[in-house]
Amino acid sequence: MISEKFWSYIDLLDGAASPEGCGRLVESLGSAGEADVRQFADDLVEAVRAFTPRHQSQAVWDVSEPVAAPALPMSDDVFLYARLAVVAAGRSPWQAVLADPDAMSGRWRVADAEELLDVVPAAYRRATGLDWDDDLVFDMPLAGDGVRAEAGADGDDDTWWDWYMCGHMYDVKAERDEFDDASYALEAAIDADPAWRSWWDASGVPGLETYPFYTWDAVPKPRLSRGRKKVRVHFGFDAAVLHSTPGQDLPRLAAEHQWAMLGYARSRLGLPDLPPLPAMWV
């Protein structure tokens, strides 16, 4: 059941998810506190998931399109933005469209509606100072679906740390397979080490994600964001060092880089000293 308060928050949009309207909504929702943000998130998901395949079959245009323009191709993204646009229009339009799927055919502020996706994360950060780390699942429900899926809920409860090669894939010529293999092997060894698991338990957050970024340009400063379920560390490294290191020394370099990222998490979160690396990496 969608709460009455949800629609009072939606009224702050004045019928469209414009940046100004979403700004008002973030300010009001964030000031109300975490419980209101979470209730709004659940209500938003329920309101969007109430639509049916018959709604998806309707012809929809954006208000900015010329009158003679063809209807938008109803991809999954367009259907999501169209549903969000109907919700943003307010309770009465939403009820009318739910009652009569043909009423969805028409002109909506589809392009603006994407702004509504940023409201919950922004309001949550304002309310708590933390990152929002739940996924809002707007797909039409299947049997057994919950309202909100937890971010990173992959069924692997034994893993507390994930290392991602985000910088390798996007920087030209910034990858070395032997280095990546060594980094993954070290991550697995640390993740399975009880001493390291105990160290991370002191953070009070279930998971850690580290994102190394290898660049040929100026190395950016590291940054850390924290949610209820994940801490994310983004850490820059010099790609030139990676490429000038002899192959036999790449495991050592991988250990240095992992140590730097984990040490940064330790310093920012006030954790105990880092445990020793697994024996093969010392």
C-alpha atoms as a PDB file:
ATOM      1  CA  MET A   1       0.000   0.000   0.000  1.00  0.00           C
ATOM      2  CA  ILE A   2       1.475   3.326  -1.065  1.00  0.00           C
ATOM      3  CA  SER A   3       1.521   5.825   1.783  1.00  0.00           C
ATOM      4  CA  GLU A   4      -0.320   9.134   1.749  1.00  0.00           C
ATOM      5  CA  LYS A   5       2.942  10.850   2.602  1.00  0.00           C
ATOM      6  CA  PHE A   6       4.482   9.613  -0.644  1.00  0.00           C
ATOM      7  CA  TRP A   7       1.998  11.575  -2.726  1.00  0.00           C
ATOM      8  CA  SER A   8       2.500  14.668  -0.614  1.00  0.00           C
ATOM      9  CA  TYR A   9       6.201  14.452  -1.433  1.00  0.00           C
ATOM     10  CA  ILE A  10       5.429  13.900  -5.132  1.00  0.00           C
ATOM     11  CA  ASP A  11       3.315  17.073  -5.068  1.00  0.00           C
ATOM     12  CA  LEU A  12       6.555  19.001  -4.516  1.00  0.00           C
ATOM     13  CA  LEU A  13       7.457  18.214  -8.134  1.00  0.00           C
ATOM     14  CA  ASP A  14       4.550  20.288  -9.461  1.00  0.00           C
ATOM     15  CA  GLY A  15       3.780  17.631 -12.046  1.00  0.00           C
ATOM     16  CA  ALA A  16       7.229  16.967 -13.513  1.00  0.00           C
ATOM     17  CA  ALA A  17      10.579  15.631 -12.355  1.00  0.00           C
ATOM     18  CA  SER A  18      12.453  18.791 -13.292  1.00  0.00           C
ATOM     19  CA  PRO A  19      15.828  19.489 -11.643  1.00  0.00           C
ATOM     20  CA  GLU A  20      14.188  22.259  -9.600  1.00  0.00           C
ATOM     21  CA  GLY A  21      11.315  20.051  -8.455  1.00  0.00           C
ATOM     22  CA  CYS A  22      13.612  17.156  -7.620  1.00  0.00           C
ATOM     23  CA  GLY A  23      15.814  19.578  -5.668  1.00  0.00           C
ATOM     24  CA  ARG A  24      12.825  20.580  -3.536  1.00  0.00           C
ATOM     25  CA  LEU A  25      11.954  16.934  -3.032  1.00  0.00           C
ATOM     26  CA  VAL A  26      15.500  16.004  -1.983  1.00  0.00           C
ATOM     27  CA  GLU A  27      15.632  18.860   0.502  1.00  0.00           C
ATOM     28  CA  SER A  28      12.282  18.007   2.077  1.00  0.00           C
ATOM     29  CA  LEU A  29      12.769  14.255   2.092  1.00  0.00           C
ATOM     30  CA  GLY A  30      16.344  14.413   3.347  1.00  0.00           C
ATOM     31  CA  SER A  31      15.377  16.770   6.149  1.00  0.00           C
ATOM     32  CA  ALA A  32      12.662  14.352   7.271  1.00  0.00           C
ATOM     33  CA  GLY A  33      15.185  11.607   8.030  1.00  0.00           C
ATOM     34  CA  GLU A  34      16.192   8.100   7.027  1.00  0.00           C
ATOM     35  CA  ALA A  35      12.851   6.434   7.757  1.00  0.00           C
ATOM     36  CA  ASP A  36      11.026   8.767   5.390  1.00  0.00           C
ATOM     37  CA  VAL A  37      13.618   8.248   2.666  1.00  0.00           C
ATOM     38  CA  ARG A  38      13.296   4.484   2.897  1.00  0.00           C
ATOM     39  CA  GLN A  39       9.497   4.629   2.907  1.00  0.00           C
ATOM     40  CA  PHE A  40       9.570   6.921  -0.120  1.00  0.00           C
ATOM     41  CA  ALA A  41      11.905   4.485  -1.906  1.00  0.00           C
ATOM     42  CA  ASP A  42       9.572   1.562  -1.265  1.00  0.00           C
ATOM     43  CA  ASP A  43       6.531   3.584  -2.332  1.00  0.00           C
ATOM     44  CA  LEU A  44       8.246   4.786  -5.499  1.00  0.00           C
ATOM     45  CA  VAL A  45       9.106   1.225  -6.480  1.00  0.00           C
ATOM     46  CA  GLU A  46       5.533   0.087  -5.780  1.00  0.00           C
ATOM     47  CA  ALA A  47       4.044   2.955  -7.792  1.00  0.00           C
ATOM     48  CA  VAL A  48       6.257   2.234 -10.801  1.00  0.00           C
ATOM     49  CA  ARG A  49       5.835  -1.533 -10.654  1.00  0.00           C
ATOM     50  CA  ALA A  50       2.051  -1.194 -10.664  1.00  0.00           C
ATOM     51  CA  PHE A  51       2.071  -0.772 -14.455  1.00  0.00           C
ATOM     52  CA  THR A  52       1.373  -3.746 -16.728  1.00  0.00           C
ATOM     53  CA  PRO A  53       2.485  -5.002 -20.167  1.00  0.00           C
ATOM     54  CA  ARG A  54      -0.597  -3.282 -21.595  1.00  0.00           C
ATOM     55  CA  HIS A  55       0.887   0.029 -20.533  1.00  0.00           C
ATOM     56  CA  GLN A  56       4.117  -0.844 -22.297  1.00  0.00           C
ATOM     57  CA  SER A  57       2.239  -1.375 -25.558  1.00  0.00           C
ATOM     58  CA  GLN A  58       1.014   2.238 -25.673  1.00  0.00           C
ATOM     59  CA  ALA A  59       2.470   4.960 -27.897  1.00  0.00           C
ATOM     60  CA  VAL A  60       4.290   7.595 -25.852  1.00  0.00           C
ATOM     61  CA  TRP A  61       5.907  10.891 -26.850  1.00  0.00           C
ATOM     62  CA  ASP A  62       8.041  13.354 -24.924  1.00  0.00           C
ATOM     63  CA  VAL A  63       6.563  16.828 -24.540  1.00  0.00           C
ATOM     64  CA  SER A  64       9.609  18.297 -26.284  1.00  0.00           C
ATOM     65  CA  GLU A  65       9.044  16.257 -29.462  1.00  0.00           C
ATOM     66  CA  PRO A  66       7.359  17.838 -32.482  1.00  0.00           C
ATOM     67  CA  VAL A  67       3.713  16.939 -32.932  1.00  0.00           C
ATOM     68  CA  ALA A  68       4.483  14.975 -36.101  1.00  0.00           C
ATOM     69  CA  ALA A  69       7.357  13.024 -34.526  1.00  0.00           C
ATOM     70  CA  PRO A  70       7.027   9.244 -34.253  1.00  0.00           C
ATOM     71  CA  ALA A  71       6.344   7.707 -30.862  1.00  0.00           C
ATOM     72  CA  LEU A  72       9.347   6.847 -28.731  1.00  0.00           C
ATOM     73  CA  PRO A  73      10.565   3.276 -29.201  1.00  0.00           C
ATOM     74  CA  MET A  74       9.356   1.581 -26.028  1.00  0.00           C
ATOM     75  CA  SER A  75      12.646   0.104 -24.846  1.00  0.00           C
ATOM     76  CA  ASP A  76      13.018  -0.959 -21.230  1.00  0.00           C
ATOM     77  CA  ASP A  77      14.633   2.394 -20.398  1.00  0.00           C
ATOM     78  CA  VAL A  78      11.947   4.420 -22.151  1.00  0.00           C
ATOM     79  CA  PHE A  79       9.218   2.434 -20.426  1.00  0.00           C
ATOM     80  CA  LEU A  80      10.875   3.078 -17.065  1.00  0.00           C
ATOM     81  CA  TYR A  81      11.131   6.826 -17.734  1.00  0.00           C
ATOM     82  CA  ALA A  82       7.542   6.918 -19.011  1.00  0.00           C
ATOM     83  CA  ARG A  83       6.302   5.254 -15.826  1.00  0.00           C
ATOM     84  CA  LEU A  84       8.349   7.632 -13.704  1.00  0.00           C
ATOM     85  CA  ALA A  85       6.866  10.535 -15.659  1.00  0.00           C
ATOM     86  CA  VAL A  86       3.345   9.352 -14.867  1.00  0.00           C
ATOM     87  CA  VAL A  87       4.207   9.013 -11.177  1.00  0.00           C
ATOM     88  CA  ALA A  88       5.813  12.467 -11.166  1.00  0.00           C
ATOM     89  CA  ALA A  89       2.635  13.915 -12.704  1.00  0.00           C
ATOM     90  CA  GLY A  90       0.839  13.156  -9.439  1.00  0.00           C
ATOM     91  CA  ARG A  91      -1.615  10.838  -7.810  1.00  0.00           C
ATOM     92  CA  SER A  92      -4.647  11.568 -10.003  1.00  0.00           C
ATOM     93  CA  PRO A  93      -2.869  11.034 -13.353  1.00  0.00           C
ATOM     94  CA  TRP A  94      -1.215   7.909 -11.978  1.00  0.00           C
ATOM     95  CA  GLN A  95      -4.549   6.473 -10.824  1.00  0.00           C
ATOM     96  CA  ALA A  96      -6.177   7.322 -14.162  1.00  0.00           C
ATOM     97  CA  VAL A  97      -3.454   5.596 -16.166  1.00  0.00           C
ATOM     98  CA  LEU A  98      -3.502   2.519 -13.946  1.00  0.00           C
ATOM     99  CA  ALA A  99      -7.266   2.233 -14.347  1.00  0.00           C
ATOM    100  CA  ASP A 100      -7.092   2.648 -18.142  1.00  0.00           C
ATOM    101  CA  PRO A 101      -3.805   1.639 -19.832  1.00  0.00           C
ATOM    102  CA  ASP A 102      -4.916   3.443 -22.998  1.00  0.00           C
ATOM    103  CA  ALA A 103      -4.617   6.681 -21.022  1.00  0.00           C
ATOM    104  CA  MET A 104      -0.854   6.219 -21.004  1.00  0.00           C
ATOM    105  CA  SER A 105      -0.755   6.882 -24.733  1.00  0.00           C
ATOM    106  CA  GLY A 106       0.114  10.541 -25.100  1.00  0.00           C
ATOM    107  CA  ARG A 107       2.728  13.141 -24.293  1.00  0.00           C
ATOM    108  CA  TRP A 108       4.631  12.986 -20.999  1.00  0.00           C
ATOM    109  CA  ARG A 109       7.775  14.565 -19.598  1.00  0.00           C
ATOM    110  CA  VAL A 110       9.700  11.393 -20.330  1.00  0.00           C
ATOM    111  CA  ALA A 111      13.133  12.979 -20.712  1.00  0.00           C
ATOM    112  CA  ASP A 112      12.857  14.797 -17.370  1.00  0.00           C
ATOM    113  CA  ALA A 113      11.751  11.689 -15.491  1.00  0.00           C
ATOM    114  CA  GLU A 114      15.263  10.261 -15.192  1.00  0.00           C
ATOM    115  CA  GLU A 115      15.936  12.980 -12.599  1.00  0.00           C
ATOM    116  CA  LEU A 116      13.625  11.121 -10.220  1.00  0.00           C
ATOM    117  CA  LEU A 117      16.088   8.222 -10.049  1.00  0.00           C
ATOM    118  CA  ASP A 118      18.607  10.445  -8.251  1.00  0.00           C
ATOM    119  CA  VAL A 119      16.213  11.646  -5.562  1.00  0.00           C
ATOM    120  CA  VAL A 120      16.497   8.711  -3.160  1.00  0.00           C
ATOM    121  CA  PRO A 121      20.346   8.512  -3.159  1.00  0.00           C
ATOM    122  CA  ALA A 122      20.644  12.291  -2.745  1.00  0.00           C
ATOM    123  CA  ALA A 123      18.025  12.461   0.012  1.00  0.00           C
ATOM    124  CA  TYR A 124      19.574   9.501   1.814  1.00  0.00           C
ATOM    125  CA  ARG A 125      22.995  11.131   1.808  1.00  0.00           C
ATOM    126  CA  ARG A 126      21.445  14.339   3.135  1.00  0.00           C
ATOM    127  CA  ALA A 127      19.631  12.436   5.884  1.00  0.00           C
ATOM    128  CA  THR A 128      22.439  10.093   6.963  1.00  0.00           C
ATOM    129  CA  GLY A 129      25.733  11.230   5.450  1.00  0.00           C
ATOM    130  CA  LEU A 130      26.038   7.758   3.915  1.00  0.00           C
ATOM    131  CA  ASP A 131      25.785   6.460   0.374  1.00  0.00           C
ATOM    132  CA  TRP A 132      22.560   4.754  -0.661  1.00  0.00           C
ATOM    133  CA  ASP A 133      23.530   1.153  -1.424  1.00  0.00           C
ATOM    134  CA  ASP A 134      20.216  -0.541  -2.086  1.00  0.00           C
ATOM    135  CA  ASP A 135      19.052  -1.116  -5.644  1.00  0.00           C
ATOM    136  CA  LEU A 136      15.610   0.141  -6.597  1.00  0.00           C
ATOM    137  CA  VAL A 137      14.132  -2.622  -8.747  1.00  0.00           C
ATOM    138  CA  PHE A 138      11.545  -1.174 -11.110  1.00  0.00           C
ATOM    139  CA  ASP A 139      11.011  -4.218 -13.320  1.00  0.00           C
ATOM    140  CA  MET A 140       7.451  -5.496 -13.289  1.00  0.00           C
ATOM    141  CA  PRO A 141       7.228  -8.023 -10.426  1.00  0.00           C
ATOM    142  CA  LEU A 142       7.594 -11.741 -10.827  1.00  0.00           C
ATOM    143  CA  ALA A 143       6.342 -14.292  -8.341  1.00  0.00           C
ATOM    144  CA  GLY A 144       8.380 -14.127  -5.162  1.00  0.00           C
ATOM    145  CA  ASP A 145       9.976 -10.761  -5.912  1.00  0.00           C
ATOM    146  CA  GLY A 146      10.556  -8.372  -3.036  1.00  0.00           C
ATOM    147  CA  VAL A 147      10.009  -4.622  -3.315  1.00  0.00           C
ATOM    148  CA  ARG A 148      13.667  -3.693  -3.075  1.00  0.00           C
ATOM    149  CA  ALA A 149      16.692  -5.804  -3.887  1.00  0.00           C
ATOM    150  CA  GLU A 150      19.834  -5.326  -1.891  1.00  0.00           C
ATOM    151  CA  ALA A 151      22.786  -4.013  -3.869  1.00  0.00           C
ATOM    152  CA  GLY A 152      25.437  -6.670  -4.329  1.00  0.00           C
ATOM    153  CA  ALA A 153      23.138  -9.450  -3.106  1.00  0.00           C
ATOM    154  CA  ASP A 154      24.828 -12.156  -5.165  1.00  0.00           C
ATOM    155  CA  GLY A 155      24.311 -14.974  -2.716  1.00  0.00           C
ATOM    156  CA  ASP A 156      28.007 -15.087  -1.714  1.00  0.00           C
ATOM    157  CA  ASP A 157      27.943 -14.382   2.007  1.00  0.00           C
ATOM    158  CA  ASP A 158      31.567 -15.513   2.485  1.00  0.00           C
ATOM    159  CA  THR A 159      33.147 -12.666   0.548  1.00  0.00           C
ATOM    160  CA  TRP A 160      33.773  -9.340   2.249  1.00  0.00           C
ATOM    161  CA  TRP A 161      36.080  -7.753  -0.328  1.00  0.00           C
ATOM    162  CA  ASP A 162      35.856  -7.241  -4.087  1.00  0.00           C
ATOM    163  CA  TRP A 163      38.654  -5.763  -6.214  1.00  0.00           C
ATOM    164  CA  TYR A 164      37.643  -4.278  -9.555  1.00  0.00           C
ATOM    165  CA  MET A 165      39.919  -3.435 -12.457  1.00  0.00           C
ATOM    166  CA  CYS A 166      37.938  -0.329 -13.390  1.00  0.00           C
ATOM    167  CA  GLY A 167      40.948   1.660 -14.526  1.00  0.00           C
ATOM    168  CA  HIS A 168      42.466  -1.133 -16.589  1.00  0.00           C
ATOM    169  CA  MET A 169      39.543  -1.428 -18.948  1.00  0.00           C
ATOM    170  CA  TYR A 170      39.168   2.255 -19.761  1.00  0.00           C
ATOM    171  CA  ASP A 171      42.731   3.570 -19.953  1.00  0.00           C
ATOM    172  CA  VAL A 172      44.445   2.850 -23.268  1.00  0.00           C
ATOM    173  CA  LYS A 173      47.348   0.405 -22.834  1.00  0.00           C
ATOM    174  CA  ALA A 174      47.039   0.445 -19.045  1.00  0.00           C
ATOM    175  CA  GLU A 175      46.624  -3.279 -18.489  1.00  0.00           C
ATOM    176  CA  ARG A 176      49.023  -6.159 -17.910  1.00  0.00           C
ATOM    177  CA  ASP A 177      47.515  -9.607 -17.599  1.00  0.00           C
ATOM    178  CA  GLU A 178      50.208 -10.907 -15.243  1.00  0.00           C
ATOM    179  CA  PHE A 179      49.602  -8.012 -12.871  1.00  0.00           C
ATOM    180  CA  ASP A 180      45.840  -8.555 -12.936  1.00  0.00           C
ATOM    181  CA  ASP A 181      46.258 -12.262 -12.259  1.00  0.00           C
ATOM    182  CA  ALA A 182      48.529 -11.539  -9.287  1.00  0.00           C
ATOM    183  CA  SER A 183      46.090  -8.938  -7.934  1.00  0.00           C
ATOM    184  CA  TYR A 184      43.133 -11.300  -8.130  1.00  0.00           C
ATOM    185  CA  ALA A 185      45.104 -14.105  -6.462  1.00  0.00           C
ATOM    186  CA  LEU A 186      46.131 -11.777  -3.630  1.00  0.00           C
ATOM    187  CA  GLU A 187      42.566 -10.545  -3.179  1.00  0.00           C
ATOM    188  CA  ALA A 188      41.337 -14.137  -2.866  1.00  0.00           C
ATOM    189  CA  ALA A 189      44.060 -14.960  -0.333  1.00  0.00           C
ATOM    190  CA  ILE A 190      43.324 -11.897   1.820  1.00  0.00           C
ATOM    191  CA  ASP A 191      39.564 -12.404   1.562  1.00  0.00           C
ATOM    192  CA  ALA A 192      39.919 -15.971   2.871  1.00  0.00           C
ATOM    193  CA  ASP A 193      42.307 -15.033   5.715  1.00  0.00           C
ATOM    194  CA  PRO A 194      40.496 -15.033   9.110  1.00  0.00           C
ATOM    195  CA  ALA A 195      42.815 -12.318  10.441  1.00  0.00           C
ATOM    196  CA  TRP A 196      41.835  -9.996   7.602  1.00  0.00           C
ATOM    197  CA  ARG A 197      38.158 -10.817   7.969  1.00  0.00           C
ATOM    198  CA  SER A 198      38.380  -9.973  11.663  1.00  0.00           C
ATOM    199  CA  TRP A 199      40.142  -6.722  10.777  1.00  0.00           C
ATOM    200  CA  TRP A 200      37.370  -5.708   8.406  1.00  0.00           C
ATOM    201  CA  ASP A 201      34.637  -6.690  10.879  1.00  0.00           C
ATOM    202  CA  ALA A 202      35.778  -3.726  12.979  1.00  0.00           C
ATOM    203  CA  SER A 203      34.398  -1.418  10.282  1.00  0.00           C
ATOM    204  CA  GLY A 204      30.812  -2.438  11.008  1.00  0.00           C
ATOM    205  CA  VAL A 205      30.106  -2.575   7.246  1.00  0.00           C
ATOM    206  CA  PRO A 206      29.594  -5.943   5.527  1.00  0.00           C
ATOM    207  CA  GLY A 207      31.554  -5.338   2.332  1.00  0.00           C
ATOM    208  CA  LEU A 208      34.508  -3.477   0.826  1.00  0.00           C
ATOM    209  CA  GLU A 209      34.982  -2.658  -2.851  1.00  0.00           C
ATOM    210  CA  THR A 210      38.287  -1.264  -4.127  1.00  0.00           C
ATOM    211  CA  TYR A 211      38.581   0.388  -7.531  1.00  0.00           C
ATOM    212  CA  PRO A 212      42.154   0.975  -8.724  1.00  0.00           C
ATOM    213  CA  PHE A 213      42.519   3.466 -11.558  1.00  0.00           C
ATOM    214  CA  TYR A 214      45.676   3.365 -13.675  1.00  0.00           C
ATOM    215  CA  THR A 215      46.304   6.519 -15.631  1.00  0.00           C
ATOM    216  CA  TRP A 216      49.013   8.060 -17.811  1.00  0.00           C
ATOM    217  CA  ASP A 217      47.913  11.510 -16.691  1.00  0.00           C
ATOM    218  CA  ALA A 218      47.917  13.153 -13.261  1.00  0.00           C
ATOM    219  CA  VAL A 219      47.016  10.600 -10.611  1.00  0.00           C
ATOM    220  CA  PRO A 220      43.804  11.649  -8.830  1.00  0.00           C
ATOM    221  CA  LYS A 221      43.531  11.757  -5.054  1.00  0.00           C
ATOM    222  CA  PRO A 222      41.964   8.679  -3.469  1.00  0.00           C
ATOM    223  CA  ARG A 223      38.406   8.873  -2.218  1.00  0.00           C
ATOM    224  CA  LEU A 224      36.165   6.733  -0.054  1.00  0.00           C
ATOM    225  CA  SER A 225      32.390   6.504   0.141  1.00  0.00           C
ATOM    226  CA  ARG A 226      30.480   4.594   2.780  1.00  0.00           C
ATOM    227  CA  GLY A 227      27.008   3.058   2.785  1.00  0.00           C
ATOM    228  CA  ARG A 228      25.288   0.681   5.170  1.00  0.00           C
ATOM    229  CA  LYS A 229      26.445  -2.387   3.239  1.00  0.00           C
ATOM    230  CA  LYS A 230      29.466  -1.276   1.232  1.00  0.00           C
ATOM    231  CA  VAL A 231      32.548   0.870   1.557  1.00  0.00           C
ATOM    232  CA  ARG A 232      33.997   1.860  -1.808  1.00  0.00           C
ATOM    233  CA  VAL A 233      37.584   3.015  -2.267  1.00  0.00           C
ATOM    234  CA  HIS A 234      38.707   4.663  -5.522  1.00  0.00           C
ATOM    235  CA  PHE A 235      42.488   4.883  -5.734  1.00  0.00           C
ATOM    236  CA  GLY A 236      44.690   6.207  -8.546  1.00  0.00           C
ATOM    237  CA  PHE A 237      48.022   4.762  -9.663  1.00  0.00           C
ATOM    238  CA  ASP A 238      50.636   5.724 -12.243  1.00  0.00           C
ATOM    239  CA  ALA A 239      50.285   3.508 -15.326  1.00  0.00           C
ATOM    240  CA  ALA A 240      53.904   4.245 -16.252  1.00  0.00           C
ATOM    241  CA  VAL A 241      55.095   2.479 -13.096  1.00  0.00           C
ATOM    242  CA  LEU A 242      52.910  -0.506 -13.882  1.00  0.00           C
ATOM    243  CA  HIS A 243      54.364  -0.789 -17.372  1.00  0.00           C
ATOM    244  CA  SER A 244      57.988  -0.252 -16.408  1.00  0.00           C
ATOM    245  CA  THR A 245      57.971  -2.946 -13.711  1.00  0.00           C
ATOM    246  CA  PRO A 246      59.654  -6.205 -14.787  1.00  0.00           C
ATOM    247  CA  GLY A 247      57.334  -9.189 -15.029  1.00  0.00           C
ATOM    248  CA  GLN A 248      58.917 -11.025 -12.108  1.00  0.00           C
ATOM    249  CA  ASP A 249      58.217  -8.023  -9.864  1.00  0.00           C
ATOM    250  CA  LEU A 250      54.525  -7.658 -10.712  1.00  0.00           C
ATOM    251  CA  PRO A 251      53.315  -9.743  -7.717  1.00  0.00           C
ATOM    252  CA  ARG A 252      55.280  -7.402  -5.438  1.00  0.00           C
ATOM    253  CA  LEU A 253      53.733  -4.373  -7.134  1.00  0.00           C
ATOM    254  CA  ALA A 254      50.258  -5.905  -6.825  1.00  0.00           C
ATOM    255  CA  ALA A 255      50.848  -6.369  -3.088  1.00  0.00           C
ATOM    256  CA  GLU A 256      52.014  -2.746  -2.739  1.00  0.00           C
ATOM    257  CA  HIS A 257      48.925  -1.441  -4.492  1.00  0.00           C
ATOM    258  CA  GLN A 258      46.517  -3.612  -2.526  1.00  0.00           C
ATOM    259  CA  TRP A 259      48.254  -2.563   0.683  1.00  0.00           C
ATOM    260  CA  ALA A 260      47.893   1.102  -0.277  1.00  0.00           C
ATOM    261  CA  MET A 261      44.155   0.795  -0.926  1.00  0.00           C
ATOM    262  CA  LEU A 262      43.485  -1.203   2.221  1.00  0.00           C
ATOM    263  CA  GLY A 263      45.647   1.182   4.241  1.00  0.00           C
ATOM    264  CA  TYR A 264      43.652   4.112   2.939  1.00  0.00           C
ATOM    265  CA  ALA A 265      40.437   2.414   4.068  1.00  0.00           C
ATOM    266  CA  ARG A 266      42.033   1.798   7.464  1.00  0.00           C
ATOM    267  CA  SER A 267      43.030   5.436   7.915  1.00  0.00           C
ATOM    268  CA  ARG A 268      39.680   6.842   6.803  1.00  0.00           C
ATOM    269  CA  LEU A 269      37.606   4.451   8.905  1.00  0.00           C
ATOM    270  CA  GLY A 270      39.818   4.394  11.992  1.00  0.00           C
ATOM    271  CA  LEU A 271      40.419   0.642  11.786  1.00  0.00           C
ATOM    272  CA  PRO A 272      43.170  -1.319  13.563  1.00  0.00           C
ATOM    273  CA  ASP A 273      46.552  -1.822  11.941  1.00  0.00           C
ATOM    274  CA  LEU A 274      46.543  -3.978   8.825  1.00  0.00           C
ATOM    275  CA  PRO A 275      47.243  -7.683   9.424  1.00  0.00           C
ATOM    276  CA  PRO A 276      50.275  -9.135   7.660  1.00  0.00           C
ATOM    277  CA  LEU A 277      49.869 -10.229   4.074  1.00  0.00           C
ATOM    278  CA  PRO A 278      49.535 -13.968   3.417  1.00  0.00           C
ATOM    279  CA  ALA A 279      52.953 -15.654   3.591  1.00  0.00           C
ATOM    280  CA  MET A 280      53.426 -16.103  -0.148  1.00  0.00           C
ATOM    281  CA  TRP A 281      53.088 -12.332  -0.673  1.00  0.00           C
ATOM    282  CA  VAL A 282      55.490 -11.105   1.967  1.00  0.00           C
END
